[in-house]
Amino acid sequence: MRSPSGSMPTSSDDMILARPFNHSSFSSGVVVVRCGGEKSHSVVRKSTLVFYVASGQLVIQIHHTAFYVKRGAIFVVPIGNAYSLKNVGQKEARLHFVHIKQSMQA
């Protein structure tokens, strides 16, 4: 697991990330958002993200729409959209993800 900056995580990090599989066309891993923590607004420019909420409760914002998700939910961040994650539960939230990278060839 790593902090968002790529360094070893500390207790003050809102979020930690493990990306054990990274290929030229996609990657996958786990994001853990600590209780009360959040992943700030990011734009997905040339890829699509698919998340599965394995545990926890979060408010997700994609573009201008915010919604509540909990264990068992699946959501997609389409190419060209901004998103953020906020843990609103009493425990850490764990999400599995697949990052589908856009091909550079037509």
Protein backbone atom coordinates (compact mmCIF):
# COMPACT_ATOMS: atom_id res chain seq x y z
CA MET A 1 0.00 0.00 0.00
CA ARG A 2 1.16 3.53 -0.79
CA SER A 3 -0.02 7.05 -0.04
CA PRO A 4 -1.33 9.14 -2.97
CA SER A 5 2.15 10.67 -3.33
CA GLY A 6 3.68 7.20 -3.79
CA SER A 7 5.45 7.13 -0.42
CA MET A 8 4.82 4.74 2.45
CA PRO A 9 1.46 5.60 4.08
CA THR A 10 1.25 7.37 7.41
CA SER A 11 -1.62 7.61 9.90
CA SER A 12 -2.37 11.13 8.62
CA ASP A 13 -3.06 10.00 5.03
CA ASP A 14 -6.77 10.16 4.14
CA MET A 15 -6.30 7.50 1.50
CA ILE A 16 -3.93 4.66 0.63
CA LEU A 17 -3.59 2.77 -2.63
CA ALA A 18 -2.33 -0.59 -3.84
CA ARG A 19 -2.00 -1.20 -7.58
CA PRO A 20 -0.51 -4.70 -7.83
CA PHE A 21 -1.43 -5.16 -11.49
CA ASN A 22 -0.36 -2.55 -14.03
CA HIS A 23 -0.45 -3.25 -17.76
CA SER A 24 -0.22 -0.92 -20.74
CA SER A 25 -3.96 -1.16 -21.40
CA PHE A 26 -5.35 -1.38 -17.84
CA SER A 27 -4.48 -1.65 -14.17
CA SER A 28 -6.32 -2.77 -11.06
CA GLY A 29 -6.00 -2.42 -7.34
CA VAL A 30 -7.50 -1.33 -4.05
CA VAL A 31 -8.16 2.12 -2.60
CA VAL A 32 -8.69 2.50 1.15
CA VAL A 33 -10.28 5.77 2.31
CA ARG A 34 -9.87 6.20 6.03
CA CYS A 35 -12.76 7.18 8.29
CA GLY A 36 -13.59 10.84 7.58
CA GLY A 37 -11.01 10.89 4.78
CA GLU A 38 -11.41 11.92 1.19
CA LYS A 39 -9.81 11.72 -2.21
CA SER A 40 -9.86 15.19 -3.62
CA HIS A 41 -11.23 16.17 -7.01
CA SER A 42 -9.32 14.60 -9.96
CA VAL A 43 -9.98 14.57 -13.68
CA VAL A 44 -9.82 11.29 -15.61
CA ARG A 45 -8.52 12.54 -18.94
CA LYS A 46 -7.70 9.52 -21.11
CA SER A 47 -9.15 6.56 -19.24
CA THR A 48 -12.23 5.12 -17.56
CA LEU A 49 -12.38 3.95 -13.94
CA VAL A 50 -14.68 1.22 -12.62
CA PHE A 51 -15.04 0.89 -8.83
CA TYR A 52 -16.57 -1.79 -6.60
CA VAL A 53 -17.26 -0.81 -2.98
CA ALA A 54 -16.10 -3.80 -0.91
CA SER A 55 -16.81 -2.09 2.43
CA GLY A 56 -17.77 1.28 3.85
CA GLN A 57 -20.03 4.20 3.01
CA LEU A 58 -19.01 7.05 0.75
CA VAL A 59 -20.29 10.10 -1.05
CA ILE A 60 -19.01 10.07 -4.61
CA GLN A 61 -19.05 13.07 -6.89
CA ILE A 62 -18.75 12.53 -10.65
CA HIS A 63 -18.79 15.72 -12.68
CA HIS A 64 -21.54 17.76 -10.89
CA THR A 65 -23.53 14.84 -9.49
CA ALA A 66 -23.01 13.54 -5.94
CA PHE A 67 -24.43 10.27 -4.68
CA TYR A 68 -24.18 7.94 -1.69
CA VAL A 69 -22.75 4.42 -2.09
CA LYS A 70 -22.15 1.53 0.28
CA ARG A 71 -20.89 -2.05 0.25
CA GLY A 72 -21.84 -3.84 -2.97
CA ALA A 73 -22.14 -0.73 -5.15
CA ILE A 74 -20.43 -0.42 -8.50
CA PHE A 75 -19.86 2.91 -10.22
CA VAL A 76 -18.03 4.17 -13.30
CA VAL A 77 -16.08 7.38 -13.87
CA PRO A 78 -16.25 7.87 -17.66
CA ILE A 79 -13.40 9.32 -19.68
CA GLY A 80 -13.13 13.11 -19.41
CA ASN A 81 -14.93 13.42 -16.04
CA ALA A 82 -13.81 14.71 -12.67
CA TYR A 83 -14.52 12.74 -9.49
CA SER A 84 -13.94 12.73 -5.75
CA LEU A 85 -14.54 10.26 -2.90
CA LYS A 86 -15.47 11.06 0.71
CA ASN A 87 -15.81 8.44 3.45
CA VAL A 88 -18.95 9.30 5.44
CA GLY A 89 -19.06 6.05 7.44
CA GLN A 90 -17.73 5.09 10.85
CA LYS A 91 -15.09 2.69 9.42
CA GLU A 92 -12.56 2.78 6.60
CA ALA A 93 -13.94 2.29 3.11
CA ARG A 94 -12.32 -0.20 0.75
CA LEU A 95 -12.84 -0.01 -3.00
CA HIS A 96 -11.51 -2.30 -5.73
CA PHE A 97 -10.91 -0.63 -9.07
CA VAL A 98 -10.07 -1.27 -12.69
CA HIS A 99 -8.41 1.57 -14.60
CA ILE A 100 -9.05 1.13 -18.35
CA LYS A 101 -6.49 3.12 -20.28
CA GLN A 102 -7.43 4.56 -23.65
CA SER A 103 -5.43 3.12 -26.52
CA MET A 104 -3.07 5.58 -28.18
CA GLN A 105 -3.79 3.90 -31.53
CA ALA A 106 -6.96 4.47 -33.54
